[in-house]
N, C-alpha and C. Protein backbone atom coordinates (compact mmCIF):
# COMPACT_ATOMS: atom_id res chain seq x y z
N MET A 1 0.83 -1.20 0.00
CA MET A 1 0.00 0.00 0.00
C MET A 1 0.87 1.26 0.00
N THR A 2 0.54 2.24 -0.82
CA THR A 2 1.25 3.50 -0.78
C THR A 2 0.86 4.26 0.48
N MET A 3 1.63 5.31 0.78
CA MET A 3 1.33 6.12 1.96
C MET A 3 -0.05 6.76 1.86
N ASP A 4 -0.41 7.21 0.65
CA ASP A 4 -1.72 7.83 0.46
C ASP A 4 -2.84 6.82 0.69
N LYS A 5 -2.67 5.61 0.19
CA LYS A 5 -3.69 4.57 0.38
C LYS A 5 -3.82 4.20 1.86
N THR A 6 -2.68 4.14 2.54
CA THR A 6 -2.71 3.83 3.98
C THR A 6 -3.43 4.92 4.75
N LEU A 7 -3.13 6.18 4.41
CA LEU A 7 -3.78 7.29 5.09
C LEU A 7 -5.28 7.30 4.81
N GLN A 8 -5.66 7.05 3.57
CA GLN A 8 -7.08 6.98 3.21
C GLN A 8 -7.79 5.91 4.03
N SER A 9 -7.16 4.73 4.12
CA SER A 9 -7.74 3.63 4.88
C SER A 9 -7.88 3.98 6.36
N ASN A 10 -6.86 4.63 6.92
CA ASN A 10 -6.90 4.98 8.35
C ASN A 10 -7.98 6.03 8.65
N VAL A 11 -8.16 6.97 7.75
CA VAL A 11 -9.21 7.98 7.94
C VAL A 11 -10.59 7.33 7.87
N LEU A 12 -10.78 6.43 6.91
CA LEU A 12 -12.05 5.71 6.81
C LEU A 12 -12.34 4.91 8.08
N LYS A 13 -11.32 4.29 8.62
CA LYS A 13 -11.49 3.52 9.86
C LYS A 13 -11.84 4.44 11.03
N GLU A 14 -11.22 5.63 11.06
CA GLU A 14 -11.51 6.57 12.14
C GLU A 14 -12.93 7.10 12.03
N LEU A 15 -13.40 7.32 10.82
CA LEU A 15 -14.78 7.77 10.63
C LEU A 15 -15.76 6.68 11.07
N ASP A 16 -15.43 5.43 10.76
CA ASP A 16 -16.28 4.31 11.20
C ASP A 16 -16.27 4.18 12.72
N TRP A 17 -15.13 4.52 13.34
CA TRP A 17 -14.98 4.39 14.78
C TRP A 17 -15.72 5.49 15.54
N GLU A 18 -15.86 6.68 14.92
CA GLU A 18 -16.49 7.82 15.58
C GLU A 18 -18.00 7.60 15.67
N PRO A 19 -18.57 7.47 16.88
CA PRO A 19 -19.98 7.12 17.03
C PRO A 19 -20.95 8.20 16.55
N SER A 20 -20.50 9.44 16.48
CA SER A 20 -21.41 10.52 16.06
C SER A 20 -21.45 10.71 14.54
N VAL A 21 -20.73 9.84 13.82
CA VAL A 21 -20.67 9.96 12.37
C VAL A 21 -21.17 8.68 11.72
N ASN A 22 -22.07 8.82 10.75
CA ASN A 22 -22.47 7.70 9.90
C ASN A 22 -21.65 7.81 8.62
N ALA A 23 -20.64 6.97 8.51
CA ALA A 23 -19.67 7.09 7.42
C ALA A 23 -20.13 6.43 6.13
N ALA A 24 -21.34 5.92 6.10
CA ALA A 24 -21.81 5.18 4.93
C ALA A 24 -21.81 6.01 3.65
N HIS A 25 -22.04 7.32 3.79
CA HIS A 25 -22.14 8.17 2.60
C HIS A 25 -21.01 9.20 2.54
N ILE A 26 -19.89 8.90 3.19
CA ILE A 26 -18.74 9.80 3.17
C ILE A 26 -17.60 9.16 2.38
N GLY A 27 -17.06 9.90 1.43
CA GLY A 27 -15.92 9.43 0.65
C GLY A 27 -14.64 10.10 1.12
N VAL A 28 -13.53 9.39 1.00
CA VAL A 28 -12.23 9.91 1.45
C VAL A 28 -11.18 9.69 0.37
N THR A 29 -10.44 10.75 0.05
CA THR A 29 -9.26 10.63 -0.79
C THR A 29 -8.08 11.26 -0.05
N ALA A 30 -6.87 10.82 -0.37
CA ALA A 30 -5.68 11.35 0.30
C ALA A 30 -4.56 11.53 -0.71
N LYS A 31 -3.88 12.65 -0.61
CA LYS A 31 -2.74 12.93 -1.49
C LYS A 31 -1.74 13.79 -0.74
N ASP A 32 -0.55 13.25 -0.53
CA ASP A 32 0.54 13.99 0.14
C ASP A 32 0.12 14.53 1.50
N GLY A 33 -0.67 13.76 2.24
CA GLY A 33 -1.08 14.15 3.57
C GLY A 33 -2.31 15.04 3.62
N ILE A 34 -2.81 15.43 2.45
CA ILE A 34 -4.03 16.26 2.40
C ILE A 34 -5.22 15.34 2.15
N VAL A 35 -6.16 15.35 3.08
CA VAL A 35 -7.34 14.47 3.02
C VAL A 35 -8.55 15.27 2.56
N THR A 36 -9.29 14.73 1.60
CA THR A 36 -10.51 15.37 1.13
C THR A 36 -11.71 14.50 1.49
N LEU A 37 -12.69 15.10 2.14
CA LEU A 37 -13.91 14.41 2.53
C LEU A 37 -15.05 14.86 1.62
N THR A 38 -15.77 13.92 1.04
CA THR A 38 -16.90 14.23 0.18
C THR A 38 -18.11 13.42 0.63
N GLY A 39 -19.24 13.60 -0.07
CA GLY A 39 -20.44 12.85 0.26
C GLY A 39 -21.45 13.70 0.99
N HIS A 40 -22.30 13.06 1.79
CA HIS A 40 -23.33 13.82 2.49
C HIS A 40 -23.66 13.19 3.84
N VAL A 41 -24.17 14.03 4.74
CA VAL A 41 -24.60 13.61 6.08
C VAL A 41 -25.95 14.25 6.35
N GLN A 42 -26.57 13.89 7.49
CA GLN A 42 -27.93 14.35 7.77
C GLN A 42 -28.01 15.60 8.63
N ASN A 43 -26.88 16.06 9.19
CA ASN A 43 -26.93 17.28 10.00
C ASN A 43 -25.54 17.90 10.09
N TYR A 44 -25.51 19.15 10.50
CA TYR A 44 -24.25 19.87 10.55
C TYR A 44 -23.31 19.33 11.62
N MET A 45 -23.84 18.88 12.73
CA MET A 45 -23.01 18.33 13.79
C MET A 45 -22.21 17.13 13.30
N GLU A 46 -22.85 16.31 12.47
CA GLU A 46 -22.17 15.14 11.93
C GLU A 46 -21.06 15.56 10.96
N LYS A 47 -21.32 16.57 10.17
CA LYS A 47 -20.31 17.12 9.26
C LYS A 47 -19.11 17.63 10.04
N TYR A 48 -19.37 18.35 11.12
CA TYR A 48 -18.30 18.89 11.96
C TYR A 48 -17.49 17.76 12.60
N ALA A 49 -18.19 16.75 13.11
CA ALA A 49 -17.51 15.62 13.75
C ALA A 49 -16.64 14.84 12.77
N ALA A 50 -17.10 14.71 11.53
CA ALA A 50 -16.31 14.01 10.51
C ALA A 50 -15.01 14.75 10.22
N ASP A 51 -15.10 16.07 10.15
CA ASP A 51 -13.92 16.89 9.91
C ASP A 51 -12.91 16.73 11.04
N LYS A 52 -13.38 16.75 12.29
CA LYS A 52 -12.50 16.60 13.44
C LYS A 52 -11.89 15.19 13.51
N ALA A 53 -12.69 14.19 13.18
CA ALA A 53 -12.19 12.81 13.21
C ALA A 53 -11.07 12.61 12.21
N ALA A 54 -11.24 13.15 11.01
CA ALA A 54 -10.20 13.02 9.99
C ALA A 54 -8.92 13.74 10.42
N GLY A 55 -9.07 14.91 11.05
CA GLY A 55 -7.92 15.70 11.43
C GLY A 55 -7.06 15.08 12.51
N ARG A 56 -7.60 14.18 13.30
CA ARG A 56 -6.80 13.60 14.39
C ARG A 56 -6.06 12.33 13.98
N VAL A 57 -6.19 11.91 12.72
CA VAL A 57 -5.48 10.71 12.25
C VAL A 57 -4.02 11.06 11.99
N LYS A 58 -3.13 10.23 12.45
CA LYS A 58 -1.70 10.45 12.26
C LYS A 58 -1.36 10.48 10.77
N GLY A 59 -0.60 11.48 10.37
CA GLY A 59 -0.20 11.62 8.98
C GLY A 59 -1.01 12.64 8.21
N VAL A 60 -2.15 13.08 8.78
CA VAL A 60 -2.97 14.08 8.11
C VAL A 60 -2.34 15.46 8.31
N ARG A 61 -2.04 16.14 7.21
CA ARG A 61 -1.45 17.47 7.26
C ARG A 61 -2.49 18.57 7.08
N ALA A 62 -3.58 18.25 6.40
CA ALA A 62 -4.66 19.21 6.18
C ALA A 62 -5.91 18.44 5.76
N VAL A 63 -7.08 19.05 6.02
CA VAL A 63 -8.35 18.43 5.66
C VAL A 63 -9.14 19.38 4.77
N ALA A 64 -9.52 18.91 3.58
CA ALA A 64 -10.42 19.66 2.70
C ALA A 64 -11.80 19.03 2.86
N GLU A 65 -12.70 19.75 3.48
CA GLU A 65 -14.00 19.19 3.85
C GLU A 65 -15.07 19.69 2.89
N GLU A 66 -15.60 18.76 2.06
CA GLU A 66 -16.59 19.11 1.03
C GLU A 66 -17.88 18.31 1.22
N ILE A 67 -18.18 17.97 2.46
CA ILE A 67 -19.39 17.18 2.76
C ILE A 67 -20.62 18.09 2.70
N GLU A 68 -21.68 17.58 2.11
CA GLU A 68 -22.95 18.30 2.00
C GLU A 68 -23.90 17.84 3.11
N VAL A 69 -24.61 18.79 3.70
CA VAL A 69 -25.64 18.46 4.68
C VAL A 69 -26.98 18.33 3.96
N ARG A 70 -27.57 17.13 4.04
CA ARG A 70 -28.89 16.89 3.46
C ARG A 70 -29.85 16.56 4.59
N LEU A 71 -30.63 17.55 4.96
CA LEU A 71 -31.53 17.38 6.09
C LEU A 71 -32.67 16.42 5.76
N PRO A 72 -32.96 15.48 6.66
CA PRO A 72 -34.18 14.66 6.49
C PRO A 72 -35.40 15.56 6.63
N HIS A 73 -36.52 15.11 6.11
CA HIS A 73 -37.72 15.95 6.06
C HIS A 73 -38.13 16.46 7.44
N HIS A 74 -38.04 15.62 8.46
CA HIS A 74 -38.49 16.03 9.79
C HIS A 74 -37.60 17.11 10.41
N ALA A 75 -36.36 17.26 9.87
CA ALA A 75 -35.42 18.23 10.45
C ALA A 75 -35.45 19.58 9.72
N GLU A 76 -36.20 19.67 8.64
CA GLU A 76 -36.27 20.92 7.89
C GLU A 76 -37.07 21.97 8.67
N LYS A 77 -36.52 23.19 8.74
CA LYS A 77 -37.18 24.27 9.46
C LYS A 77 -37.09 25.55 8.62
N ASN A 78 -38.05 26.44 8.81
CA ASN A 78 -37.99 27.75 8.18
C ASN A 78 -36.88 28.57 8.83
N ASP A 79 -36.34 29.50 8.05
CA ASP A 79 -35.25 30.33 8.56
C ASP A 79 -35.66 31.13 9.79
N ASP A 80 -36.90 31.62 9.82
CA ASP A 80 -37.33 32.40 10.98
C ASP A 80 -37.45 31.53 12.22
N GLU A 81 -37.85 30.26 12.04
CA GLU A 81 -37.91 29.34 13.17
C GLU A 81 -36.51 29.05 13.71
N ILE A 82 -35.58 28.85 12.78
CA ILE A 82 -34.19 28.57 13.18
C ILE A 82 -33.62 29.76 13.94
N ALA A 83 -33.82 30.98 13.40
CA ALA A 83 -33.27 32.18 14.03
C ALA A 83 -33.81 32.38 15.43
N ALA A 84 -35.11 32.19 15.60
CA ALA A 84 -35.71 32.36 16.92
C ALA A 84 -35.15 31.34 17.92
N ALA A 85 -34.99 30.09 17.47
CA ALA A 85 -34.45 29.05 18.35
C ALA A 85 -32.99 29.32 18.71
N LEU A 86 -32.21 29.83 17.74
CA LEU A 86 -30.80 30.12 18.00
C LEU A 86 -30.65 31.24 19.04
N LEU A 87 -31.43 32.29 18.88
CA LEU A 87 -31.35 33.40 19.83
C LEU A 87 -31.71 32.95 21.24
N LEU A 88 -32.72 32.11 21.34
CA LEU A 88 -33.11 31.59 22.66
C LEU A 88 -31.99 30.75 23.25
N ARG A 89 -31.36 29.91 22.43
CA ARG A 89 -30.26 29.07 22.91
C ARG A 89 -29.09 29.92 23.38
N LEU A 90 -28.74 30.95 22.61
CA LEU A 90 -27.62 31.81 22.99
C LEU A 90 -27.93 32.57 24.28
N ASP A 91 -29.18 32.96 24.47
CA ASP A 91 -29.57 33.66 25.70
C ASP A 91 -29.34 32.79 26.94
N TRP A 92 -29.41 31.48 26.77
CA TRP A 92 -29.26 30.55 27.90
C TRP A 92 -27.81 30.09 28.10
N ASN A 93 -26.90 30.52 27.22
CA ASN A 93 -25.51 30.10 27.31
C ASN A 93 -24.72 31.09 28.16
N VAL A 94 -24.24 30.63 29.31
CA VAL A 94 -23.53 31.53 30.24
C VAL A 94 -22.18 31.98 29.69
N SER A 95 -21.64 31.29 28.69
CA SER A 95 -20.34 31.66 28.12
C SER A 95 -20.45 32.75 27.07
N VAL A 96 -21.67 33.05 26.64
CA VAL A 96 -21.88 34.07 25.61
C VAL A 96 -22.45 35.32 26.26
N PRO A 97 -21.73 36.46 26.18
CA PRO A 97 -22.22 37.69 26.80
C PRO A 97 -23.61 38.08 26.27
N ASP A 98 -24.43 38.57 27.15
CA ASP A 98 -25.81 38.92 26.80
C ASP A 98 -25.87 39.95 25.68
N LYS A 99 -26.63 39.63 24.63
CA LYS A 99 -26.90 40.53 23.50
C LYS A 99 -25.64 40.86 22.69
N ALA A 100 -24.56 40.13 22.88
CA ALA A 100 -23.30 40.45 22.17
C ALA A 100 -23.26 39.85 20.77
N VAL A 101 -24.07 38.83 20.51
CA VAL A 101 -24.01 38.10 19.24
C VAL A 101 -25.31 38.28 18.46
N GLN A 102 -25.15 38.60 17.17
CA GLN A 102 -26.30 38.71 16.27
C GLN A 102 -26.33 37.51 15.32
N VAL A 103 -27.54 37.14 14.91
CA VAL A 103 -27.74 35.94 14.11
C VAL A 103 -28.46 36.27 12.81
N LYS A 104 -27.97 35.72 11.70
CA LYS A 104 -28.65 35.80 10.42
C LYS A 104 -28.76 34.38 9.86
N VAL A 105 -29.93 34.00 9.35
CA VAL A 105 -30.15 32.67 8.80
C VAL A 105 -30.67 32.79 7.37
N GLU A 106 -30.03 32.08 6.45
CA GLU A 106 -30.46 32.08 5.06
C GLU A 106 -30.35 30.66 4.50
N LYS A 107 -31.49 30.05 4.24
CA LYS A 107 -31.58 28.68 3.73
C LYS A 107 -30.81 27.70 4.62
N GLY A 108 -30.91 27.90 5.92
CA GLY A 108 -30.27 27.01 6.88
C GLY A 108 -28.84 27.38 7.22
N TRP A 109 -28.24 28.28 6.44
CA TRP A 109 -26.88 28.74 6.75
C TRP A 109 -26.95 29.86 7.78
N VAL A 110 -26.18 29.71 8.85
CA VAL A 110 -26.20 30.66 9.97
C VAL A 110 -24.94 31.52 9.93
N THR A 111 -25.12 32.83 10.01
CA THR A 111 -24.00 33.76 10.13
C THR A 111 -24.07 34.43 11.50
N LEU A 112 -22.98 34.34 12.25
CA LEU A 112 -22.88 34.95 13.58
C LEU A 112 -22.00 36.19 13.48
N THR A 113 -22.47 37.31 14.01
CA THR A 113 -21.69 38.54 14.05
C THR A 113 -21.76 39.13 15.45
N GLY A 114 -21.01 40.20 15.66
CA GLY A 114 -20.96 40.85 16.97
C GLY A 114 -19.55 40.92 17.50
N GLN A 115 -19.40 41.28 18.76
CA GLN A 115 -18.10 41.39 19.40
C GLN A 115 -18.12 40.78 20.79
N VAL A 116 -17.05 40.04 21.12
CA VAL A 116 -16.89 39.47 22.46
C VAL A 116 -15.47 39.74 22.94
N ASP A 117 -15.21 39.44 24.20
CA ASP A 117 -13.89 39.71 24.78
C ASP A 117 -12.88 38.60 24.55
N TRP A 118 -13.37 37.36 24.39
CA TRP A 118 -12.47 36.21 24.35
C TRP A 118 -12.84 35.27 23.21
N GLN A 119 -11.83 34.55 22.73
CA GLN A 119 -12.05 33.55 21.69
C GLN A 119 -12.97 32.42 22.18
N PHE A 120 -12.86 32.04 23.46
CA PHE A 120 -13.69 30.95 23.96
C PHE A 120 -15.18 31.32 23.90
N GLN A 121 -15.47 32.62 24.04
CA GLN A 121 -16.86 33.07 23.93
C GLN A 121 -17.35 32.97 22.48
N LYS A 122 -16.48 33.30 21.56
CA LYS A 122 -16.81 33.15 20.13
C LYS A 122 -17.06 31.70 19.78
N GLU A 123 -16.20 30.81 20.29
CA GLU A 123 -16.35 29.38 20.02
C GLU A 123 -17.59 28.82 20.71
N ALA A 124 -17.90 29.33 21.91
CA ALA A 124 -19.07 28.84 22.65
C ALA A 124 -20.35 29.14 21.90
N ALA A 125 -20.43 30.30 21.26
CA ALA A 125 -21.62 30.65 20.49
C ALA A 125 -21.84 29.68 19.35
N GLU A 126 -20.76 29.31 18.65
CA GLU A 126 -20.88 28.36 17.54
C GLU A 126 -21.16 26.96 18.05
N HIS A 127 -20.46 26.55 19.09
CA HIS A 127 -20.63 25.20 19.62
C HIS A 127 -22.07 24.94 20.04
N ASP A 128 -22.70 25.96 20.58
CA ASP A 128 -24.04 25.79 21.14
C ASP A 128 -25.11 25.55 20.09
N ILE A 129 -24.82 25.87 18.83
CA ILE A 129 -25.87 25.79 17.81
C ILE A 129 -25.59 24.74 16.72
N ARG A 130 -24.45 24.08 16.82
CA ARG A 130 -24.10 23.11 15.77
C ARG A 130 -25.13 22.00 15.62
N GLY A 131 -25.68 21.54 16.73
CA GLY A 131 -26.58 20.39 16.69
C GLY A 131 -28.05 20.75 16.59
N MET A 132 -28.37 21.99 16.30
CA MET A 132 -29.77 22.38 16.26
C MET A 132 -30.42 22.03 14.93
N LEU A 133 -31.70 21.70 14.99
CA LEU A 133 -32.44 21.30 13.80
C LEU A 133 -32.47 22.42 12.78
N GLY A 134 -32.29 22.05 11.51
CA GLY A 134 -32.38 22.99 10.41
C GLY A 134 -31.08 23.64 10.01
N VAL A 135 -30.05 23.59 10.86
CA VAL A 135 -28.77 24.22 10.56
C VAL A 135 -27.98 23.35 9.58
N VAL A 136 -27.55 23.93 8.45
CA VAL A 136 -26.75 23.19 7.48
C VAL A 136 -25.31 23.70 7.40
N GLY A 137 -25.06 24.88 7.97
CA GLY A 137 -23.71 25.42 7.97
C GLY A 137 -23.63 26.64 8.86
N ILE A 138 -22.41 26.98 9.30
CA ILE A 138 -22.20 28.12 10.19
C ILE A 138 -21.01 28.95 9.72
N LEU A 139 -21.22 30.24 9.60
CA LEU A 139 -20.13 31.18 9.34
C LEU A 139 -19.98 32.04 10.60
N ASN A 140 -18.88 31.84 11.30
CA ASN A 140 -18.67 32.54 12.57
C ASN A 140 -17.83 33.79 12.30
N SER A 141 -18.49 34.95 12.20
CA SER A 141 -17.81 36.22 11.93
C SER A 141 -17.77 37.11 13.17
N ILE A 142 -17.94 36.52 14.35
CA ILE A 142 -17.83 37.28 15.60
C ILE A 142 -16.40 37.80 15.75
N LYS A 143 -16.24 39.04 16.16
CA LYS A 143 -14.91 39.64 16.32
C LYS A 143 -14.51 39.66 17.79
N ILE A 144 -13.20 39.64 18.02
CA ILE A 144 -12.66 39.76 19.37
C ILE A 144 -12.26 41.21 19.60
N LYS A 145 -12.70 41.78 20.72
CA LYS A 145 -12.38 43.17 21.02
C LYS A 145 -10.88 43.35 21.25
N GLU A 146 -10.36 44.45 20.73
CA GLU A 146 -8.95 44.75 20.94
C GLU A 146 -8.72 45.23 22.37
N ARG A 147 -7.51 44.95 22.87
CA ARG A 147 -7.15 45.38 24.22
C ARG A 147 -5.87 46.21 24.16
N PRO A 148 -5.75 47.23 24.99
CA PRO A 148 -4.56 48.08 24.95
C PRO A 148 -3.34 47.42 25.57
N ASN A 149 -3.51 46.36 26.36
CA ASN A 149 -2.40 45.75 27.11
C ASN A 149 -1.89 44.49 26.43
N ALA A 150 -1.71 44.55 25.10
CA ALA A 150 -1.27 43.37 24.36
C ALA A 150 0.22 43.41 24.04
N VAL A 151 1.00 44.20 24.82
CA VAL A 151 2.41 44.42 24.53
C VAL A 151 3.22 43.12 24.62
N ASN A 152 3.01 42.36 25.69
CA ASN A 152 3.83 41.16 25.94
C ASN A 152 3.14 39.87 25.50
N ILE A 153 2.19 39.98 24.59
CA ILE A 153 1.39 38.82 24.24
C ILE A 153 2.23 37.69 23.63
N GLY A 154 3.23 38.04 22.80
CA GLY A 154 4.07 37.01 22.18
C GLY A 154 4.84 36.21 23.21
N ALA A 155 5.45 36.91 24.17
CA ALA A 155 6.21 36.23 25.22
C ALA A 155 5.30 35.38 26.10
N ASP A 156 4.10 35.88 26.37
CA ASP A 156 3.15 35.12 27.20
C ASP A 156 2.74 33.82 26.51
N ILE A 157 2.49 33.87 25.21
CA ILE A 157 2.09 32.66 24.48
C ILE A 157 3.24 31.68 24.41
N THR A 158 4.45 32.19 24.17
CA THR A 158 5.62 31.31 24.13
C THR A 158 5.78 30.57 25.45
N GLU A 159 5.62 31.29 26.55
CA GLU A 159 5.73 30.66 27.87
C GLU A 159 4.64 29.61 28.07
N ALA A 160 3.42 29.91 27.62
CA ALA A 160 2.32 28.96 27.77
C ALA A 160 2.57 27.69 26.95
N LEU A 161 3.09 27.84 25.74
CA LEU A 161 3.40 26.68 24.91
C LEU A 161 4.47 25.82 25.55
N HIS A 162 5.44 26.46 26.15
CA HIS A 162 6.56 25.72 26.75
C HIS A 162 6.18 25.07 28.07
N ARG A 163 5.08 25.50 28.68
CA ARG A 163 4.59 24.82 29.88
C ARG A 163 4.05 23.43 29.53
N SER A 164 3.61 23.28 28.28
CA SER A 164 3.17 21.95 27.82
C SER A 164 4.39 21.23 27.28
N TRP A 165 4.17 20.20 26.46
CA TRP A 165 5.31 19.39 26.03
C TRP A 165 5.93 19.88 24.73
N TYR A 166 5.48 21.03 24.21
CA TYR A 166 6.05 21.53 22.95
C TYR A 166 7.53 21.84 23.12
N ASP A 167 8.33 21.41 22.16
CA ASP A 167 9.75 21.71 22.13
C ASP A 167 9.91 23.18 21.75
N PRO A 168 10.59 23.98 22.59
CA PRO A 168 10.74 25.40 22.29
C PRO A 168 11.45 25.67 20.97
N LYS A 169 12.14 24.67 20.42
CA LYS A 169 12.86 24.86 19.16
C LYS A 169 11.96 24.67 17.94
N THR A 170 10.76 24.12 18.13
CA THR A 170 9.94 23.78 16.97
C THR A 170 8.85 24.80 16.65
N ILE A 171 8.50 25.67 17.60
CA ILE A 171 7.44 26.64 17.39
C ILE A 171 7.94 28.04 17.70
N ASN A 172 7.67 28.96 16.79
CA ASN A 172 8.06 30.35 16.99
C ASN A 172 6.81 31.23 17.05
N VAL A 173 6.81 32.17 17.98
CA VAL A 173 5.66 33.07 18.17
C VAL A 173 6.11 34.51 17.96
N THR A 174 5.40 35.23 17.09
CA THR A 174 5.60 36.66 16.94
C THR A 174 4.25 37.35 17.07
N ALA A 175 4.26 38.60 17.51
CA ALA A 175 3.00 39.31 17.70
C ALA A 175 3.17 40.78 17.38
N SER A 176 2.12 41.34 16.78
CA SER A 176 2.06 42.77 16.51
C SER A 176 0.68 43.24 16.93
N GLY A 177 0.62 43.99 18.05
CA GLY A 177 -0.69 44.33 18.59
C GLY A 177 -1.38 43.06 19.03
N GLY A 178 -2.61 42.86 18.58
CA GLY A 178 -3.35 41.64 18.92
C GLY A 178 -3.22 40.54 17.91
N THR A 179 -2.43 40.76 16.84
CA THR A 179 -2.25 39.74 15.81
C THR A 179 -1.07 38.84 16.15
N VAL A 180 -1.33 37.54 16.27
CA VAL A 180 -0.31 36.56 16.65
C VAL A 180 -0.01 35.67 15.45
N ARG A 181 1.27 35.41 15.21
CA ARG A 181 1.68 34.52 14.13
C ARG A 181 2.47 33.34 14.71
N LEU A 182 2.03 32.14 14.37
CA LEU A 182 2.72 30.93 14.80
C LEU A 182 3.39 30.28 13.60
N THR A 183 4.65 29.96 13.73
CA THR A 183 5.38 29.24 12.68
C THR A 183 6.15 28.10 13.32
N GLY A 184 6.68 27.21 12.48
CA GLY A 184 7.43 26.07 12.98
C GLY A 184 6.82 24.76 12.52
N THR A 185 7.11 23.68 13.23
CA THR A 185 6.66 22.36 12.83
C THR A 185 6.16 21.55 14.02
N VAL A 186 5.19 20.67 13.75
CA VAL A 186 4.71 19.71 14.74
C VAL A 186 4.52 18.37 14.03
N ASP A 187 4.22 17.33 14.81
CA ASP A 187 4.12 15.98 14.25
C ASP A 187 2.77 15.66 13.65
N ASN A 188 1.70 16.37 14.08
CA ASN A 188 0.37 16.00 13.60
C ASN A 188 -0.55 17.22 13.61
N TRP A 189 -1.69 17.05 12.95
CA TRP A 189 -2.67 18.12 12.79
C TRP A 189 -3.26 18.55 14.13
N TYR A 190 -3.48 17.59 15.01
CA TYR A 190 -4.08 17.90 16.31
C TYR A 190 -3.16 18.82 17.12
N ASP A 191 -1.84 18.57 17.10
CA ASP A 191 -0.90 19.42 17.83
C ASP A 191 -0.90 20.83 17.26
N ARG A 192 -1.06 20.94 15.96
CA ARG A 192 -1.15 22.25 15.32
C ARG A 192 -2.36 23.02 15.86
N GLN A 193 -3.50 22.33 15.95
CA GLN A 193 -4.70 22.95 16.48
C GLN A 193 -4.53 23.35 17.95
N MET A 194 -3.90 22.49 18.74
CA MET A 194 -3.69 22.77 20.15
C MET A 194 -2.82 24.02 20.34
N ALA A 195 -1.80 24.17 19.50
CA ALA A 195 -0.96 25.36 19.58
C ALA A 195 -1.78 26.61 19.27
N GLY A 196 -2.67 26.50 18.29
CA GLY A 196 -3.54 27.62 17.96
C GLY A 196 -4.47 27.98 19.10
N TRP A 197 -5.05 26.97 19.74
CA TRP A 197 -5.95 27.21 20.88
C TRP A 197 -5.20 27.88 22.03
N THR A 198 -3.95 27.46 22.25
CA THR A 198 -3.14 28.07 23.30
C THR A 198 -2.92 29.55 23.02
N ALA A 199 -2.64 29.88 21.76
CA ALA A 199 -2.42 31.28 21.39
C ALA A 199 -3.69 32.09 21.59
N TRP A 200 -4.85 31.51 21.23
CA TRP A 200 -6.11 32.23 21.37
C TRP A 200 -6.46 32.52 22.83
N ALA A 201 -5.91 31.76 23.76
CA ALA A 201 -6.22 31.95 25.18
C ALA A 201 -5.51 33.16 25.77
N ALA A 202 -4.58 33.76 25.03
CA ALA A 202 -3.83 34.89 25.56
C ALA A 202 -4.69 36.15 25.60
N PRO A 203 -4.70 36.87 26.73
CA PRO A 203 -5.44 38.14 26.79
C PRO A 203 -4.92 39.12 25.75
N GLY A 204 -5.81 39.63 24.92
CA GLY A 204 -5.42 40.59 23.89
C GLY A 204 -5.26 40.01 22.51
N ALA A 205 -5.34 38.70 22.36
CA ALA A 205 -5.23 38.08 21.04
C ALA A 205 -6.53 38.30 20.27
N THR A 206 -6.43 39.00 19.14
CA THR A 206 -7.61 39.26 18.31
C THR A 206 -7.57 38.48 17.00
N THR A 207 -6.37 38.09 16.57
CA THR A 207 -6.19 37.28 15.36
C THR A 207 -5.03 36.32 15.58
N VAL A 208 -5.21 35.07 15.20
CA VAL A 208 -4.12 34.09 15.26
C VAL A 208 -3.90 33.52 13.87
N GLU A 209 -2.72 33.77 13.32
CA GLU A 209 -2.33 33.21 12.02
C GLU A 209 -1.48 31.97 12.30
N ASN A 210 -2.10 30.82 12.13
CA ASN A 210 -1.42 29.56 12.45
C ASN A 210 -0.75 29.02 11.19
N ASN A 211 0.54 29.29 11.07
CA ASN A 211 1.34 28.84 9.91
C ASN A 211 2.24 27.67 10.27
N ILE A 212 1.94 26.98 11.35
CA ILE A 212 2.71 25.80 11.75
C ILE A 212 2.52 24.70 10.72
N ARG A 213 3.58 24.04 10.33
CA ARG A 213 3.53 22.96 9.35
C ARG A 213 3.53 21.60 10.06
N VAL A 214 2.78 20.66 9.51
CA VAL A 214 2.79 19.28 10.00
C VAL A 214 3.79 18.50 9.17
N VAL A 215 4.78 17.89 9.84
CA VAL A 215 5.82 17.15 9.12
C VAL A 215 5.87 15.70 9.57
């Protein structure tokens, strides 16, 4: 088996292993560590889970996710119904600041806008609505508020990365204002994501450009 065939097989096995994904209608191709997912699923949560499952397989350098959400008849909802349900859900989420997020729904596609203080709040808003009926996709355009005290943000992120098991020689952090740039190399896609999450946790981070390569 070539490396691409082995990677394709391993991703298919991981999709079969993931209980929240029905892999029967998902296709997988692999080329030079780049995995492409095609086919269709019944809800957006399943699409999201398939993307995450593929990304955690050893050898995956990037995931091109082209899965279509085909809602079963009972899950179809009008856009106004979806919008009303989303706003109610966000109102009940303690991680999302009150009235900070606005919602637009068009043919099941949800666009989130507004401003919050932290990346985890932005992620919480999206996480809370992934599994809701009628949602076929999410565009998270929520912005992070800028902070005046972002002077030492690069050094703070570097220290945080080094508190974990990251080798200080493999990842480089630079920052200009609230914009953080990560470069270097890691062994797998999951470690690349973890480094990005660590950077987003820094007070004052408004943008994270994750240019870390998987080797």
